[in-house]
All heavy atoms as atom14 arrays in JSON, in Angstrom:
{
  "sequence": "QLVKFKFNNKVYSFTTKLIGKTQIINLLMA",
  "atom14_mask": [
    [1, 1, 1, 1, 1, 1, 1, 1, 1, 0, 0, 0, 0, 0],
    [1, 1, 1, 1, 1, 1, 1, 1, 0, 0, 0, 0, 0, 0],
    [1, 1, 1, 1, 1, 1, 1, 0, 0, 0, 0, 0, 0, 0],
    [1, 1, 1, 1, 1, 1, 1, 1, 1, 0, 0, 0, 0, 0],
    [1, 1, 1, 1, 1, 1, 1, 1, 1, 1, 1, 0, 0, 0],
    [1, 1, 1, 1, 1, 1, 1, 1, 1, 0, 0, 0, 0, 0],
    [1, 1, 1, 1, 1, 1, 1, 1, 1, 1, 1, 0, 0, 0],
    [1, 1, 1, 1, 1, 1, 1, 1, 0, 0, 0, 0, 0, 0],
    [1, 1, 1, 1, 1, 1, 1, 1, 0, 0, 0, 0, 0, 0],
    [1, 1, 1, 1, 1, 1, 1, 1, 1, 0, 0, 0, 0, 0],
    [1, 1, 1, 1, 1, 1, 1, 0, 0, 0, 0, 0, 0, 0],
    [1, 1, 1, 1, 1, 1, 1, 1, 1, 1, 1, 1, 0, 0],
    [1, 1, 1, 1, 1, 1, 0, 0, 0, 0, 0, 0, 0, 0],
    [1, 1, 1, 1, 1, 1, 1, 1, 1, 1, 1, 0, 0, 0],
    [1, 1, 1, 1, 1, 1, 1, 0, 0, 0, 0, 0, 0, 0],
    [1, 1, 1, 1, 1, 1, 1, 0, 0, 0, 0, 0, 0, 0],
    [1, 1, 1, 1, 1, 1, 1, 1, 1, 0, 0, 0, 0, 0],
    [1, 1, 1, 1, 1, 1, 1, 1, 0, 0, 0, 0, 0, 0],
    [1, 1, 1, 1, 1, 1, 1, 1, 0, 0, 0, 0, 0, 0],
    [1, 1, 1, 1, 0, 0, 0, 0, 0, 0, 0, 0, 0, 0],
    [1, 1, 1, 1, 1, 1, 1, 1, 1, 0, 0, 0, 0, 0],
    [1, 1, 1, 1, 1, 1, 1, 0, 0, 0, 0, 0, 0, 0],
    [1, 1, 1, 1, 1, 1, 1, 1, 1, 0, 0, 0, 0, 0],
    [1, 1, 1, 1, 1, 1, 1, 1, 0, 0, 0, 0, 0, 0],
    [1, 1, 1, 1, 1, 1, 1, 1, 0, 0, 0, 0, 0, 0],
    [1, 1, 1, 1, 1, 1, 1, 1, 0, 0, 0, 0, 0, 0],
    [1, 1, 1, 1, 1, 1, 1, 1, 0, 0, 0, 0, 0, 0],
    [1, 1, 1, 1, 1, 1, 1, 1, 0, 0, 0, 0, 0, 0],
    [1, 1, 1, 1, 1, 1, 1, 1, 0, 0, 0, 0, 0, 0],
    [1, 1, 1, 1, 1, 0, 0, 0, 0, 0, 0, 0, 0, 0]
  ],
  "atom14_positions": [
    [[5.78, 7.95, -0.75], [5.55, 7.05, 0.38], [5.96, 5.65, -0.04], [5.65, 5.21, -1.16], [4.06, 7.04, 0.78], [3.58, 8.31, 1.45], [2.27, 8.12, 2.17], [2.23, 7.95, 3.37], [1.16, 8.17, 1.43], [0.0, 0.0, 0.0], [0.0, 0.0, 0.0], [0.0, 0.0, 0.0], [0.0, 0.0, 0.0], [0.0, 0.0, 0.0]],
    [[6.66, 4.96, 0.87], [7.04, 3.56, 0.63], [6.09, 2.7, 1.45], [5.96, 2.87, 2.66], [8.48, 3.31, 1.07], [8.97, 1.85, 1.04], [8.94, 1.3, -0.38], [10.38, 1.75, 1.62], [0.0, 0.0, 0.0], [0.0, 0.0, 0.0], [0.0, 0.0, 0.0], [0.0, 0.0, 0.0], [0.0, 0.0, 0.0], [0.0, 0.0, 0.0]],
    [[5.41, 1.8, 0.76], [4.39, 0.97, 1.42], [4.8, -0.49, 1.33], [5.18, -0.99, 0.27], [3.01, 1.16, 0.74], [1.95, 0.3, 1.43], [2.61, 2.62, 0.74], [0.0, 0.0, 0.0], [0.0, 0.0, 0.0], [0.0, 0.0, 0.0], [0.0, 0.0, 0.0], [0.0, 0.0, 0.0], [0.0, 0.0, 0.0], [0.0, 0.0, 0.0]],
    [[4.69, -1.19, 2.47], [4.9, -2.64, 2.5], [3.63, -3.29, 3.04], [3.06, -2.82, 4.03], [6.08, -3.0, 3.41], [7.44, -2.64, 2.86], [8.55, -3.14, 3.77], [9.92, -2.76, 3.21], [11.02, -3.24, 4.09], [0.0, 0.0, 0.0], [0.0, 0.0, 0.0], [0.0, 0.0, 0.0], [0.0, 0.0, 0.0], [0.0, 0.0, 0.0]],
    [[3.19, -4.35, 2.36], [2.01, -5.06, 2.85], [2.16, -6.56, 2.6], [2.94, -6.99, 1.76], [0.73, -4.53, 2.2], [0.57, -4.85, 0.73], [-0.13, -5.99, 0.32], [1.09, -4.01, -0.25], [-0.29, -6.28, -1.03], [0.93, -4.3, -1.61], [0.23, -5.43, -2.0], [0.0, 0.0, 0.0], [0.0, 0.0, 0.0], [0.0, 0.0, 0.0]],
    [[1.39, -7.32, 3.36], [1.42, -8.78, 3.24], [0.05, -9.27, 2.81], [-0.98, -8.89, 3.38], [1.78, -9.39, 4.6], [2.0, -10.89, 4.57], [2.43, -11.39, 5.95], [2.7, -12.89, 5.96], [3.09, -13.36, 7.31], [0.0, 0.0, 0.0], [0.0, 0.0, 0.0], [0.0, 0.0, 0.0], [0.0, 0.0, 0.0], [0.0, 0.0, 0.0]],
    [[0.04, -10.12, 1.8], [-1.23, -10.67, 1.28], [-0.98, -12.09, 0.79], [-0.03, -12.34, 0.05], [-1.76, -9.78, 0.15], [-3.12, -10.16, -0.35], [-4.21, -10.25, 0.53], [-3.34, -10.39, -1.7], [-5.47, -10.58, 0.07], [-4.61, -10.72, -2.17], [-5.68, -10.81, -1.29], [0.0, 0.0, 0.0], [0.0, 0.0, 0.0], [0.0, 0.0, 0.0]],
    [[-1.81, -13.02, 1.22], [-1.64, -14.44, 0.86], [-0.23, -14.94, 1.15], [0.41, -15.61, 0.33], [-1.99, -14.66, -0.62], [-3.48, -14.52, -0.88], [-4.3, -14.66, 0.02], [-3.84, -14.21, -2.13], [0.0, 0.0, 0.0], [0.0, 0.0, 0.0], [0.0, 0.0, 0.0], [0.0, 0.0, 0.0], [0.0, 0.0, 0.0], [0.0, 0.0, 0.0]],
    [[0.27, -14.57, 2.35], [1.57, -15.02, 2.86], [2.77, -14.52, 2.06], [3.88, -15.06, 2.18], [1.62, -16.55, 2.95], [0.63, -17.09, 3.96], [0.52, -16.54, 5.07], [-0.1, -18.13, 3.59], [0.0, 0.0, 0.0], [0.0, 0.0, 0.0], [0.0, 0.0, 0.0], [0.0, 0.0, 0.0], [0.0, 0.0, 0.0], [0.0, 0.0, 0.0]],
    [[2.57, -13.48, 1.25], [3.68, -12.88, 0.52], [3.78, -11.4, 0.85], [2.75, -10.74, 1.04], [3.51, -13.07, -1.0], [3.71, -14.5, -1.47], [3.66, -14.58, -3.0], [3.88, -16.01, -3.48], [3.82, -16.1, -4.97], [0.0, 0.0, 0.0], [0.0, 0.0, 0.0], [0.0, 0.0, 0.0], [0.0, 0.0, 0.0], [0.0, 0.0, 0.0]],
    [[4.99, -10.88, 0.92], [5.2, -9.47, 1.22], [5.49, -8.7, -0.07], [6.28, -9.15, -0.91], [6.37, -9.28, 2.22], [6.66, -7.8, 2.43], [6.05, -9.96, 3.54], [0.0, 0.0, 0.0], [0.0, 0.0, 0.0], [0.0, 0.0, 0.0], [0.0, 0.0, 0.0], [0.0, 0.0, 0.0], [0.0, 0.0, 0.0], [0.0, 0.0, 0.0]],
    [[4.81, -7.57, -0.22], [4.97, -6.73, -1.4], [5.32, -5.31, -0.96], [4.95, -4.89, 0.14], [3.67, -6.69, -2.22], [3.17, -8.04, -2.67], [2.3, -8.78, -1.87], [3.56, -8.57, -3.89], [1.83, -10.02, -2.29], [3.1, -9.81, -4.32], [2.23, -10.53, -3.51], [1.77, -11.76, -3.92], [0.0, 0.0, 0.0], [0.0, 0.0, 0.0]],
    [[6.01, -4.58, -1.82], [6.31, -3.18, -1.51], [6.24, -2.35, -2.79], [6.47, -2.86, -3.89], [7.68, -3.05, -0.86], [8.69, -3.47, -1.74], [0.0, 0.0, 0.0], [0.0, 0.0, 0.0], [0.0, 0.0, 0.0], [0.0, 0.0, 0.0], [0.0, 0.0, 0.0], [0.0, 0.0, 0.0], [0.0, 0.0, 0.0], [0.0, 0.0, 0.0]],
    [[5.91, -1.08, -2.61], [5.84, -0.16, -3.75], [5.97, 1.27, -3.25], [5.76, 1.55, -2.06], [4.53, -0.34, -4.53], [3.29, 0.01, -3.74], [2.72, 1.28, -3.78], [2.66, -0.94, -2.93], [1.59, 1.6, -3.06], [1.52, -0.64, -2.21], [0.98, 0.65, -2.26], [0.0, 0.0, 0.0], [0.0, 0.0, 0.0], [0.0, 0.0, 0.0]],
    [[6.33, 2.17, -4.14], [6.35, 3.6, -3.81], [5.17, 4.27, -4.51], [4.73, 3.83, -5.57], [7.65, 4.27, -4.26], [7.84, 4.05, -5.67], [8.84, 3.73, -3.49], [0.0, 0.0, 0.0], [0.0, 0.0, 0.0], [0.0, 0.0, 0.0], [0.0, 0.0, 0.0], [0.0, 0.0, 0.0], [0.0, 0.0, 0.0], [0.0, 0.0, 0.0]],
    [[4.69, 5.35, -3.9], [3.52, 6.03, -4.47], [3.57, 7.53, -4.2], [4.12, 7.98, -3.19], [2.22, 5.44, -3.89], [1.11, 6.17, -4.42], [2.18, 5.53, -2.37], [0.0, 0.0, 0.0], [0.0, 0.0, 0.0], [0.0, 0.0, 0.0], [0.0, 0.0, 0.0], [0.0, 0.0, 0.0], [0.0, 0.0, 0.0], [0.0, 0.0, 0.0]],
    [[2.95, 8.28, -5.1], [2.82, 9.74, -4.93], [1.64, 10.09, -4.05], [1.46, 11.25, -3.69], [2.66, 10.41, -6.3], [3.85, 10.26, -7.22], [3.56, 10.85, -8.58], [4.74, 10.63, -9.54], [4.43, 11.14, -10.9], [0.0, 0.0, 0.0], [0.0, 0.0, 0.0], [0.0, 0.0, 0.0], [0.0, 0.0, 0.0], [0.0, 0.0, 0.0]],
    [[0.82, 9.1, -3.72], [-0.37, 9.36, -2.91], [0.03, 9.83, -1.51], [1.04, 9.38, -0.96], [-1.23, 8.11, -2.8], [-1.74, 7.53, -4.12], [-2.59, 6.29, -3.86], [-2.55, 8.56, -4.89], [0.0, 0.0, 0.0], [0.0, 0.0, 0.0], [0.0, 0.0, 0.0], [0.0, 0.0, 0.0], [0.0, 0.0, 0.0], [0.0, 0.0, 0.0]],
    [[-0.79, 10.71, -0.94], [-0.5, 11.31, 0.36], [-1.38, 10.7, 1.45], [-2.59, 10.59, 1.27], [-0.73, 12.84, 0.29], [0.17, 13.48, -0.77], [-0.5, 13.49, 1.65], [-0.19, 14.91, -1.1], [0.0, 0.0, 0.0], [0.0, 0.0, 0.0], [0.0, 0.0, 0.0], [0.0, 0.0, 0.0], [0.0, 0.0, 0.0], [0.0, 0.0, 0.0]],
    [[-0.77, 10.32, 2.58], [-1.53, 9.89, 3.75], [-1.94, 8.43, 3.75], [-2.05, 7.79, 2.7], [0.0, 0.0, 0.0], [0.0, 0.0, 0.0], [0.0, 0.0, 0.0], [0.0, 0.0, 0.0], [0.0, 0.0, 0.0], [0.0, 0.0, 0.0], [0.0, 0.0, 0.0], [0.0, 0.0, 0.0], [0.0, 0.0, 0.0], [0.0, 0.0, 0.0]],
    [[-2.21, 7.92, 4.95], [-2.58, 6.52, 5.11], [-3.96, 6.21, 4.52], [-4.18, 5.12, 3.98], [-2.56, 6.14, 6.6], [-2.81, 4.65, 6.84], [-2.72, 4.28, 8.31], [-3.0, 2.79, 8.5], [-2.92, 2.39, 9.92], [0.0, 0.0, 0.0], [0.0, 0.0, 0.0], [0.0, 0.0, 0.0], [0.0, 0.0, 0.0], [0.0, 0.0, 0.0]],
    [[-4.88, 7.18, 4.63], [-6.24, 6.95, 4.12], [-6.22, 6.59, 2.65], [-6.92, 5.67, 2.21], [-7.12, 8.21, 4.34], [-7.21, 8.47, 5.73], [-8.51, 7.99, 3.79], [0.0, 0.0, 0.0], [0.0, 0.0, 0.0], [0.0, 0.0, 0.0], [0.0, 0.0, 0.0], [0.0, 0.0, 0.0], [0.0, 0.0, 0.0], [0.0, 0.0, 0.0]],
    [[-5.4, 7.32, 1.86], [-5.35, 7.03, 0.43], [-4.66, 5.7, 0.14], [-4.98, 5.04, -0.86], [-4.63, 8.17, -0.32], [-5.47, 9.43, -0.44], [-6.7, 9.24, -1.32], [-7.64, 8.52, -0.97], [-6.71, 9.88, -2.48], [0.0, 0.0, 0.0], [0.0, 0.0, 0.0], [0.0, 0.0, 0.0], [0.0, 0.0, 0.0], [0.0, 0.0, 0.0]],
    [[-3.76, 5.29, 1.0], [-3.12, 3.97, 0.85], [-4.18, 2.88, 1.07], [-4.23, 1.88, 0.33], [-1.95, 3.78, 1.84], [-0.87, 4.84, 1.6], [-1.38, 2.37, 1.73], [-0.3, 4.88, 0.19], [0.0, 0.0, 0.0], [0.0, 0.0, 0.0], [0.0, 0.0, 0.0], [0.0, 0.0, 0.0], [0.0, 0.0, 0.0], [0.0, 0.0, 0.0]],
    [[-5.03, 3.06, 2.07], [-6.1, 2.1, 2.33], [-7.04, 2.04, 1.13], [-7.43, 0.95, 0.67], [-6.88, 2.49, 3.62], [-6.0, 2.24, 4.85], [-8.18, 1.69, 3.73], [-6.57, 2.78, 6.14], [0.0, 0.0, 0.0], [0.0, 0.0, 0.0], [0.0, 0.0, 0.0], [0.0, 0.0, 0.0], [0.0, 0.0, 0.0], [0.0, 0.0, 0.0]],
    [[-7.41, 3.21, 0.59], [-8.28, 3.25, -0.6], [-7.63, 2.52, -1.78], [-8.29, 1.75, -2.49], [-8.58, 4.7, -0.99], [-9.47, 5.41, 0.0], [-10.21, 4.77, 0.75], [-9.4, 6.73, 0.02], [0.0, 0.0, 0.0], [0.0, 0.0, 0.0], [0.0, 0.0, 0.0], [0.0, 0.0, 0.0], [0.0, 0.0, 0.0], [0.0, 0.0, 0.0]],
    [[-6.34, 2.76, -1.96], [-5.61, 2.12, -3.07], [-5.59, 0.61, -2.9], [-5.82, -0.14, -3.85], [-4.19, 2.67, -3.13], [-3.27, 2.05, -4.2], [-3.81, 2.29, -5.6], [-1.85, 2.6, -4.07], [0.0, 0.0, 0.0], [0.0, 0.0, 0.0], [0.0, 0.0, 0.0], [0.0, 0.0, 0.0], [0.0, 0.0, 0.0], [0.0, 0.0, 0.0]],
    [[-5.32, 0.14, -1.67], [-5.22, -1.3, -1.44], [-6.58, -2.0, -1.57], [-6.64, -3.17, -1.95], [-4.58, -1.58, -0.08], [-3.09, -1.23, 0.0], [-2.57, -1.4, 1.41], [-2.27, -2.08, -0.98], [0.0, 0.0, 0.0], [0.0, 0.0, 0.0], [0.0, 0.0, 0.0], [0.0, 0.0, 0.0], [0.0, 0.0, 0.0], [0.0, 0.0, 0.0]],
    [[-7.67, -1.29, -1.28], [-9.0, -1.87, -1.54], [-9.18, -2.09, -3.04], [-9.71, -3.12, -3.46], [-10.09, -0.94, -1.0], [-10.22, -0.97, 0.51], [-11.64, 0.01, 1.05], [-11.49, -0.16, 2.83], [0.0, 0.0, 0.0], [0.0, 0.0, 0.0], [0.0, 0.0, 0.0], [0.0, 0.0, 0.0], [0.0, 0.0, 0.0], [0.0, 0.0, 0.0]],
    [[-8.73, -1.11, -3.82], [-8.8, -1.25, -5.28], [-7.9, -2.39, -5.76], [-8.25, -3.13, -6.69], [-8.4, 0.07, -5.95], [0.0, 0.0, 0.0], [0.0, 0.0, 0.0], [0.0, 0.0, 0.0], [0.0, 0.0, 0.0], [0.0, 0.0, 0.0], [0.0, 0.0, 0.0], [0.0, 0.0, 0.0], [0.0, 0.0, 0.0], [0.0, 0.0, 0.0]]
  ]
}
């Protein structure tokens, strides 16, 4: 999965083996 997110006015992206949006949310909380 390719994920793009914005935090403190900067855009970041990364790839991950994690499956589904729920796990992306869990990862971003961490």
